[in-house]
PDB file of N, CA and C in Angstrom:
ATOM      1  N   MET A   1     -12.702 -24.527   6.830  1.00  0.00           N
ATOM      2  CA  MET A   1     -13.764 -23.597   6.537  1.00  0.00           C
ATOM      3  C   MET A   1     -13.777 -23.331   5.037  1.00  0.00           C
ATOM      4  N   LYS A   2     -14.926 -23.472   4.423  1.00  0.00           N
ATOM      5  CA  LYS A   2     -15.053 -23.276   2.981  1.00  0.00           C
ATOM      6  C   LYS A   2     -15.476 -21.845   2.685  1.00  0.00           C
ATOM      7  N   TYR A   3     -14.889 -21.285   1.642  1.00  0.00           N
ATOM      8  CA  TYR A   3     -15.259 -19.954   1.168  1.00  0.00           C
ATOM      9  C   TYR A   3     -15.890 -20.090  -0.205  1.00  0.00           C
ATOM     10  N   ASN A   4     -16.958 -19.369  -0.429  1.00  0.00           N
ATOM     11  CA  ASN A   4     -17.500 -19.348  -1.784  1.00  0.00           C
ATOM     12  C   ASN A   4     -16.857 -18.195  -2.546  1.00  0.00           C
ATOM     13  N   ARG A   5     -17.190 -18.069  -3.784  1.00  0.00           N
ATOM     14  CA  ARG A   5     -16.546 -17.087  -4.657  1.00  0.00           C
ATOM     15  C   ARG A   5     -16.783 -15.647  -4.193  1.00  0.00           C
ATOM     16  N   THR A   6     -17.991 -15.337  -3.723  1.00  0.00           N
ATOM     17  CA  THR A   6     -18.277 -13.964  -3.296  1.00  0.00           C
ATOM     18  C   THR A   6     -17.507 -13.615  -2.023  1.00  0.00           C
ATOM     19  N   SER A   7     -17.354 -14.566  -1.135  1.00  0.00           N
ATOM     20  CA  SER A   7     -16.569 -14.322   0.082  1.00  0.00           C
ATOM     21  C   SER A   7     -15.112 -14.075  -0.275  1.00  0.00           C
ATOM     22  N   SER A   8     -14.590 -14.857  -1.196  1.00  0.00           N
ATOM     23  CA  SER A   8     -13.204 -14.676  -1.629  1.00  0.00           C
ATOM     24  C   SER A   8     -13.007 -13.314  -2.273  1.00  0.00           C
ATOM     25  N   ASN A   9     -13.970 -12.867  -3.067  1.00  0.00           N
ATOM     26  CA  ASN A   9     -13.879 -11.552  -3.708  1.00  0.00           C
ATOM     27  C   ASN A   9     -13.910 -10.439  -2.669  1.00  0.00           C
ATOM     28  N   LYS A  10     -14.759 -10.558  -1.658  1.00  0.00           N
ATOM     29  CA  LYS A  10     -14.830  -9.547  -0.600  1.00  0.00           C
ATOM     30  C   LYS A  10     -13.521  -9.491   0.178  1.00  0.00           C
ATOM     31  N   ILE A  11     -12.944 -10.641   0.483  1.00  0.00           N
ATOM     32  CA  ILE A  11     -11.672 -10.694   1.201  1.00  0.00           C
ATOM     33  C   ILE A  11     -10.573 -10.074   0.348  1.00  0.00           C
ATOM     34  N   ALA A  12     -10.546 -10.390  -0.933  1.00  0.00           N
ATOM     35  CA  ALA A  12      -9.526  -9.849  -1.836  1.00  0.00           C
ATOM     36  C   ALA A  12      -9.643  -8.333  -1.931  1.00  0.00           C
ATOM     37  N   LYS A  13     -10.861  -7.813  -2.037  1.00  0.00           N
ATOM     38  CA  LYS A  13     -11.061  -6.359  -2.116  1.00  0.00           C
ATOM     39  C   LYS A  13     -10.610  -5.678  -0.830  1.00  0.00           C
ATOM     40  N   THR A  14     -10.865  -6.312   0.311  1.00  0.00           N
ATOM     41  CA  THR A  14     -10.442  -5.753   1.594  1.00  0.00           C
ATOM     42  C   THR A  14      -8.925  -5.723   1.692  1.00  0.00           C
ATOM     43  N   VAL A  15      -8.280  -6.790   1.269  1.00  0.00           N
ATOM     44  CA  VAL A  15      -6.819  -6.852   1.304  1.00  0.00           C
ATOM     45  C   VAL A  15      -6.223  -5.780   0.391  1.00  0.00           C
ATOM     46  N   VAL A  16      -6.774  -5.597  -0.791  1.00  0.00           N
ATOM     47  CA  VAL A  16      -6.291  -4.570  -1.718  1.00  0.00           C
ATOM     48  C   VAL A  16      -6.454  -3.192  -1.104  1.00  0.00           C
ATOM     49  N   SER A  17      -7.566  -2.951  -0.453  1.00  0.00           N
ATOM     50  CA  SER A  17      -7.825  -1.664   0.179  1.00  0.00           C
ATOM     51  C   SER A  17      -6.811  -1.385   1.292  1.00  0.00           C
ATOM     52  N   VAL A  18      -6.545  -2.377   2.108  1.00  0.00           N
ATOM     53  CA  VAL A  18      -5.575  -2.221   3.200  1.00  0.00           C
ATOM     54  C   VAL A  18      -4.179  -1.970   2.643  1.00  0.00           C
ATOM     55  N   LEU A  19      -3.781  -2.706   1.627  1.00  0.00           N
ATOM     56  CA  LEU A  19      -2.455  -2.527   1.053  1.00  0.00           C
ATOM     57  C   LEU A  19      -2.310  -1.172   0.367  1.00  0.00           C
ATOM     58  N   ASP A  20      -3.374  -0.680  -0.274  1.00  0.00           N
ATOM     59  CA  ASP A  20      -3.336   0.669  -0.860  1.00  0.00           C
ATOM     60  C   ASP A  20      -3.135   1.720   0.221  1.00  0.00           C
ATOM     61  N   SER A  21      -3.807   1.551   1.353  1.00  0.00           N
ATOM     62  CA  SER A  21      -3.641   2.492   2.464  1.00  0.00           C
ATOM     63  C   SER A  21      -2.208   2.491   2.976  1.00  0.00           C
ATOM     64  N   VAL A  22      -1.623   1.318   3.088  1.00  0.00           N
ATOM     65  CA  VAL A  22      -0.233   1.213   3.546  1.00  0.00           C
ATOM     66  C   VAL A  22       0.703   1.883   2.544  1.00  0.00           C
ATOM     67  N   LEU A  23       0.489   1.655   1.264  1.00  0.00           N
ATOM     68  CA  LEU A  23       1.334   2.272   0.239  1.00  0.00           C
ATOM     69  C   LEU A  23       1.225   3.791   0.258  1.00  0.00           C
ATOM     70  N   LYS A  24       0.025   4.314   0.435  1.00  0.00           N
ATOM     71  CA  LYS A  24      -0.158   5.765   0.499  1.00  0.00           C
ATOM     72  C   LYS A  24       0.559   6.343   1.704  1.00  0.00           C
ATOM     73  N   THR A  25       0.499   5.658   2.830  1.00  0.00           N
ATOM     74  CA  THR A  25       1.187   6.122   4.032  1.00  0.00           C
ATOM     75  C   THR A  25       2.699   6.097   3.827  1.00  0.00           C
ATOM     76  N   GLU A  26       3.207   5.030   3.275  1.00  0.00           N
ATOM     77  CA  GLU A  26       4.642   4.893   3.062  1.00  0.00           C
ATOM     78  C   GLU A  26       5.157   5.869   2.009  1.00  0.00           C
ATOM     79  N   ALA A  27       4.358   6.165   1.005  1.00  0.00           N
ATOM     80  CA  ALA A  27       4.782   7.078  -0.057  1.00  0.00           C
ATOM     81  C   ALA A  27       4.902   8.505   0.458  1.00  0.00           C
ATOM     82  N   ASN A  28       4.177   8.844   1.513  1.00  0.00           N
ATOM     83  CA  ASN A  28       4.172  10.202   2.039  1.00  0.00           C
ATOM     84  C   ASN A  28       4.944  10.351   3.349  1.00  0.00           C
ATOM     85  N   SER A  29       5.722   9.360   3.711  1.00  0.00           N
ATOM     86  CA  SER A  29       6.501   9.462   4.941  1.00  0.00           C
ATOM     87  C   SER A  29       7.976   9.239   4.628  1.00  0.00           C
ATOM     88  N   ALA A  30       8.814   9.749   5.510  1.00  0.00           N
ATOM     89  CA  ALA A  30      10.256   9.584   5.348  1.00  0.00           C
ATOM     90  C   ALA A  30      10.688   8.262   5.976  1.00  0.00           C
ATOM     91  N   SER A  31      11.845   7.832   5.590  1.00  0.00           N
ATOM     92  CA  SER A  31      12.391   6.606   6.131  1.00  0.00           C
ATOM     93  C   SER A  31      12.824   6.823   7.572  1.00  0.00           C
ATOM     94  N   CYS A  32      12.733   5.789   8.380  1.00  0.00           N
ATOM     95  CA  CYS A  32      13.162   5.907   9.768  1.00  0.00           C
ATOM     96  C   CYS A  32      14.666   5.646   9.895  1.00  0.00           C
ATOM     97  N   CYS A  33      15.287   5.243   8.830  1.00  0.00           N
ATOM     98  CA  CYS A  33      16.723   4.963   8.853  1.00  0.00           C
ATOM     99  C   CYS A  33      17.505   6.275   8.768  1.00  0.00           C
ATOM    100  N   VAL A  34      18.419   6.493   9.686  1.00  0.00           N
ATOM    101  CA  VAL A  34      19.143   7.756   9.772  1.00  0.00           C
ATOM    102  C   VAL A  34      20.252   7.835   8.727  1.00  0.00           C
ATOM    103  N   ILE A  35      20.951   6.759   8.511  1.00  0.00           N
ATOM    104  CA  ILE A  35      22.136   6.783   7.656  1.00  0.00           C
ATOM    105  C   ILE A  35      21.799   6.650   6.180  1.00  0.00           C
ATOM    106  N   TYR A  36      20.905   5.771   5.839  1.00  0.00           N
ATOM    107  CA  TYR A  36      20.655   5.473   4.432  1.00  0.00           C
ATOM    108  C   TYR A  36      19.162   5.454   4.154  1.00  0.00           C
ATOM    109  N   GLN A  37      18.719   6.229   3.194  1.00  0.00           N
ATOM    110  CA  GLN A  37      17.328   6.199   2.750  1.00  0.00           C
ATOM    111  C   GLN A  37      17.332   5.868   1.262  1.00  0.00           C
ATOM    112  N   PRO A  38      16.879   4.670   0.906  1.00  0.00           N
ATOM    113  CA  PRO A  38      16.906   4.274  -0.502  1.00  0.00           C
ATOM    114  C   PRO A  38      15.939   5.102  -1.336  1.00  0.00           C
ATOM    115  N   LYS A  39      16.214   5.186  -2.629  1.00  0.00           N
ATOM    116  CA  LYS A  39      15.333   5.893  -3.555  1.00  0.00           C
ATOM    117  C   LYS A  39      14.020   5.132  -3.675  1.00  0.00           C
ATOM    118  N   ALA A  40      12.931   5.866  -3.683  1.00  0.00           N
ATOM    119  CA  ALA A  40      11.617   5.249  -3.850  1.00  0.00           C
ATOM    120  C   ALA A  40      11.411   4.914  -5.323  1.00  0.00           C
ATOM    121  N   PRO A  41      10.782   3.781  -5.604  1.00  0.00           N
ATOM    122  CA  PRO A  41      10.502   3.434  -6.997  1.00  0.00           C
ATOM    123  C   PRO A  41       9.532   4.432  -7.629  1.00  0.00           C
ATOM    124  N   LYS A  42       9.640   4.639  -8.934  1.00  0.00           N
ATOM    125  CA  LYS A  42       8.765   5.577  -9.642  1.00  0.00           C
ATOM    126  C   LYS A  42       7.296   5.168  -9.551  1.00  0.00           C
ATOM    127  N   GLU A  43       7.014   3.870  -9.433  1.00  0.00           N
ATOM    128  CA  GLU A  43       5.642   3.396  -9.344  1.00  0.00           C
ATOM    129  C   GLU A  43       4.953   3.896  -8.080  1.00  0.00           C
ATOM    130  N   LEU A  44       5.727   4.274  -7.069  1.00  0.00           N
ATOM    131  CA  LEU A  44       5.179   4.744  -5.811  1.00  0.00           C
ATOM    132  C   LEU A  44       4.657   6.174  -5.914  1.00  0.00           C
ATOM    133  N   GLU A  45       5.025   6.886  -6.973  1.00  0.00           N
ATOM    134  CA  GLU A  45       4.613   8.285  -7.163  1.00  0.00           C
ATOM    135  C   GLU A  45       3.097   8.441  -7.236  1.00  0.00           C
ATOM    136  N   ARG A  46       2.407   7.449  -7.768  1.00  0.00           N
ATOM    137  CA  ARG A  46       0.959   7.584  -7.939  1.00  0.00           C
ATOM    138  C   ARG A  46       0.209   7.523  -6.611  1.00  0.00           C
ATOM    139  N   PHE A  47       0.882   7.118  -5.531  1.00  0.00           N
ATOM    140  CA  PHE A  47       0.243   7.058  -4.232  1.00  0.00           C
ATOM    141  C   PHE A  47       0.527   8.305  -3.390  1.00  0.00           C
ATOM    142  N   LYS A  48       1.375   9.210  -3.874  1.00  0.00           N
ATOM    143  CA  LYS A  48       1.701  10.407  -3.110  1.00  0.00           C
ATOM    144  C   LYS A  48       0.546  11.397  -3.129  1.00  0.00           C
ATOM    145  N   LYS A  49       0.521  12.240  -2.090  1.00  0.00           N
ATOM    146  CA  LYS A  49      -0.513  13.281  -2.018  1.00  0.00           C
ATOM    147  C   LYS A  49      -0.288  14.306  -3.108  1.00  0.00           C
ATOM    148  N   LYS A  50      -1.367  14.785  -3.654  1.00  0.00           N
ATOM    149  CA  LYS A  50      -1.298  15.836  -4.655  1.00  0.00           C
ATOM    150  C   LYS A  50      -1.195  17.171  -3.939  1.00  0.00           C
ATOM    151  N   LYS A  51      -0.304  18.053  -4.396  1.00  0.00           N
ATOM    152  CA  LYS A  51      -0.145  19.356  -3.753  1.00  0.00           C
ATOM    153  C   LYS A  51      -0.909  20.416  -4.471  1.00  0.00           C
TER     154      LYS A  51
END
């Protein structure tokens, strides 16, 4: 199946949107691991909810 440039751009924008949603969810939730929760990278701060 061939994709033209506009189709590729639409797919890329959709993928970016989905990944941003996942990052926002992960930035605002706790780890499911009981024993060890690693430190979140500083870059993840921009996806956290504003209080």
